[in-house]
Amino acid sequence: QVQLVESGGGLVQPGGSLRLSCLASGSISSINAMGWYRQAPGKQREQVAISQSGGITRTAESLQGRFAISRDNAKTTVYLQMNSLKPEDTALYYCFVTTSLPPRAYWGQGTQVTVSS
């Protein structure tokens, strides 16, 4: 089992920045990928960014240049740096991890990001 605790969401003005954090605990040795999804009201959940084993990262094309994902050296915390935020970035942001043994995905509770003046 893996437990995830997210933090860093909140209300920010357009053009502002936020950094989300997600701390994993439990069976962390089997984690092979960590990342973020988001879901805006009335929309489907979409992948924001993922950090895979070996240091490979991928950010949604539409968010490249504004969002960046990183992980700490212990591979237990994943961050999402969000810059130049826009109202359309308003969503519930979910942290996720995937494990290899057994192969499954875990989700955090979500942290709300609201971009509004």
Protein backbone atom coordinates (compact mmCIF):
# COMPACT_ATOMS: atom_id res chain seq x y z
CA GLN A 1 0.00 0.00 0.00
CA VAL A 2 1.05 3.55 -0.74
CA GLN A 3 -0.37 6.62 0.95
CA LEU A 4 -0.25 10.02 -0.68
CA VAL A 5 -0.54 13.43 0.95
CA GLU A 6 -0.88 16.46 -1.29
CA SER A 7 -0.33 20.08 -0.37
CA GLY A 8 0.21 23.46 -1.96
CA GLY A 9 -3.10 24.23 -3.59
CA GLY A 10 -4.99 27.44 -3.07
CA LEU A 11 -6.26 30.63 -4.61
CA VAL A 12 -3.92 32.59 -6.85
CA GLN A 13 -4.33 35.50 -9.22
CA PRO A 14 -3.83 35.07 -12.96
CA GLY A 15 -0.15 35.18 -13.75
CA GLY A 16 0.80 33.86 -10.34
CA SER A 17 2.60 30.69 -9.35
CA LEU A 18 1.99 27.72 -7.10
CA ARG A 19 3.96 24.65 -6.23
CA LEU A 20 2.13 21.46 -5.40
CA SER A 21 3.75 18.72 -3.36
CA CYS A 22 2.85 15.07 -2.94
CA LEU A 23 4.51 12.93 -0.31
CA ALA A 24 4.34 9.18 -0.67
CA SER A 25 4.69 6.77 2.21
CA GLY A 26 4.26 3.06 2.72
CA SER A 27 5.54 0.66 0.06
CA ILE A 28 7.61 3.31 -1.67
CA SER A 29 10.29 0.91 -2.87
CA SER A 30 7.93 -0.39 -5.54
CA ILE A 31 7.04 3.03 -6.95
CA ASN A 32 8.03 3.43 -10.56
CA ALA A 33 6.17 6.59 -11.60
CA MET A 34 4.71 9.63 -9.88
CA GLY A 35 2.75 12.45 -11.38
CA TRP A 36 -0.27 14.68 -11.53
CA TYR A 37 -3.66 14.75 -13.13
CA ARG A 38 -6.26 17.45 -12.92
CA GLN A 39 -9.99 17.66 -13.30
CA ALA A 40 -11.85 20.87 -13.94
CA PRO A 41 -15.60 21.17 -13.29
CA GLY A 42 -17.57 19.48 -16.04
CA LYS A 43 -14.45 18.10 -17.71
CA GLN A 44 -12.67 14.79 -17.82
CA ARG A 45 -9.59 14.14 -15.78
CA GLU A 46 -6.45 14.90 -17.78
CA GLN A 47 -2.81 14.06 -17.26
CA VAL A 48 -0.68 17.04 -16.36
CA ALA A 49 2.78 15.58 -15.91
CA ILE A 50 4.54 12.37 -15.03
CA SER A 51 7.95 11.48 -13.67
CA GLN A 52 9.08 7.96 -14.46
CA SER A 53 11.89 5.74 -13.32
CA GLY A 54 15.22 6.73 -14.78
CA GLY A 55 14.47 10.41 -14.57
CA ILE A 56 12.18 10.57 -17.58
CA THR A 57 9.57 13.30 -17.28
CA ARG A 58 6.72 14.29 -19.51
CA THR A 59 4.46 17.34 -19.30
CA ALA A 60 1.27 17.79 -21.28
CA GLU A 61 2.14 19.64 -24.45
CA SER A 62 -0.33 22.42 -23.76
CA LEU A 63 1.30 23.08 -20.39
CA GLN A 64 4.94 22.95 -21.40
CA GLY A 65 6.77 26.12 -20.60
CA ARG A 66 4.50 26.90 -17.65
CA PHE A 67 4.36 23.67 -15.63
CA ALA A 68 7.29 21.53 -14.53
CA ILE A 69 7.42 18.28 -12.59
CA SER A 70 10.26 17.16 -10.35
CA ARG A 71 10.99 14.56 -7.69
CA ASP A 72 13.25 14.60 -4.68
CA ASN A 73 16.30 12.36 -4.52
CA ALA A 74 14.58 9.90 -2.23
CA LYS A 75 11.86 9.56 -4.85
CA THR A 76 9.19 9.96 -2.19
CA THR A 77 7.98 13.42 -3.06
CA VAL A 78 6.83 14.76 -6.40
CA TYR A 79 6.39 18.44 -7.08
CA LEU A 80 4.49 20.39 -9.68
CA GLN A 81 5.69 23.92 -10.26
CA MET A 82 3.00 25.96 -11.96
CA ASN A 83 3.84 29.40 -13.35
CA SER A 84 1.90 31.99 -15.31
CA LEU A 85 -1.32 30.48 -14.09
CA LYS A 86 -4.51 31.10 -16.03
CA PRO A 87 -8.16 30.86 -14.99
CA GLU A 88 -8.46 27.74 -17.14
CA ASP A 89 -5.92 26.04 -14.89
CA THR A 90 -8.54 26.03 -12.14
CA ALA A 91 -9.10 22.40 -11.22
CA LEU A 92 -8.72 19.73 -8.61
CA TYR A 93 -5.19 18.43 -8.93
CA TYR A 94 -4.58 14.79 -8.08
CA CYS A 95 -1.29 13.15 -7.31
CA PHE A 96 -0.81 9.57 -8.48
CA VAL A 97 1.82 6.88 -8.28
CA THR A 98 2.18 3.56 -9.99
CA THR A 99 3.88 0.57 -8.47
CA SER A 100 5.51 -2.42 -10.07
CA LEU A 101 4.88 -5.04 -7.41
CA PRO A 102 1.97 -5.39 -7.46
CA PRO A 103 1.18 -3.36 -10.57
CA ARG A 104 -1.39 -0.79 -9.56
CA ALA A 105 -2.07 2.91 -9.26
CA TYR A 106 -2.73 4.99 -6.17
CA TRP A 107 -4.40 8.38 -6.02
CA GLY A 108 -4.31 11.25 -3.60
CA GLN A 109 -7.38 13.06 -2.35
CA GLY A 110 -6.78 16.04 -4.59
CA THR A 111 -5.83 19.62 -3.89
CA GLN A 112 -7.83 22.53 -5.25
CA VAL A 113 -6.18 25.16 -7.39
CA THR A 114 -8.24 28.22 -8.17
CA VAL A 115 -6.95 30.94 -10.45
CA SER A 116 -9.05 34.06 -10.16
CA SER A 117 -8.74 37.78 -9.69
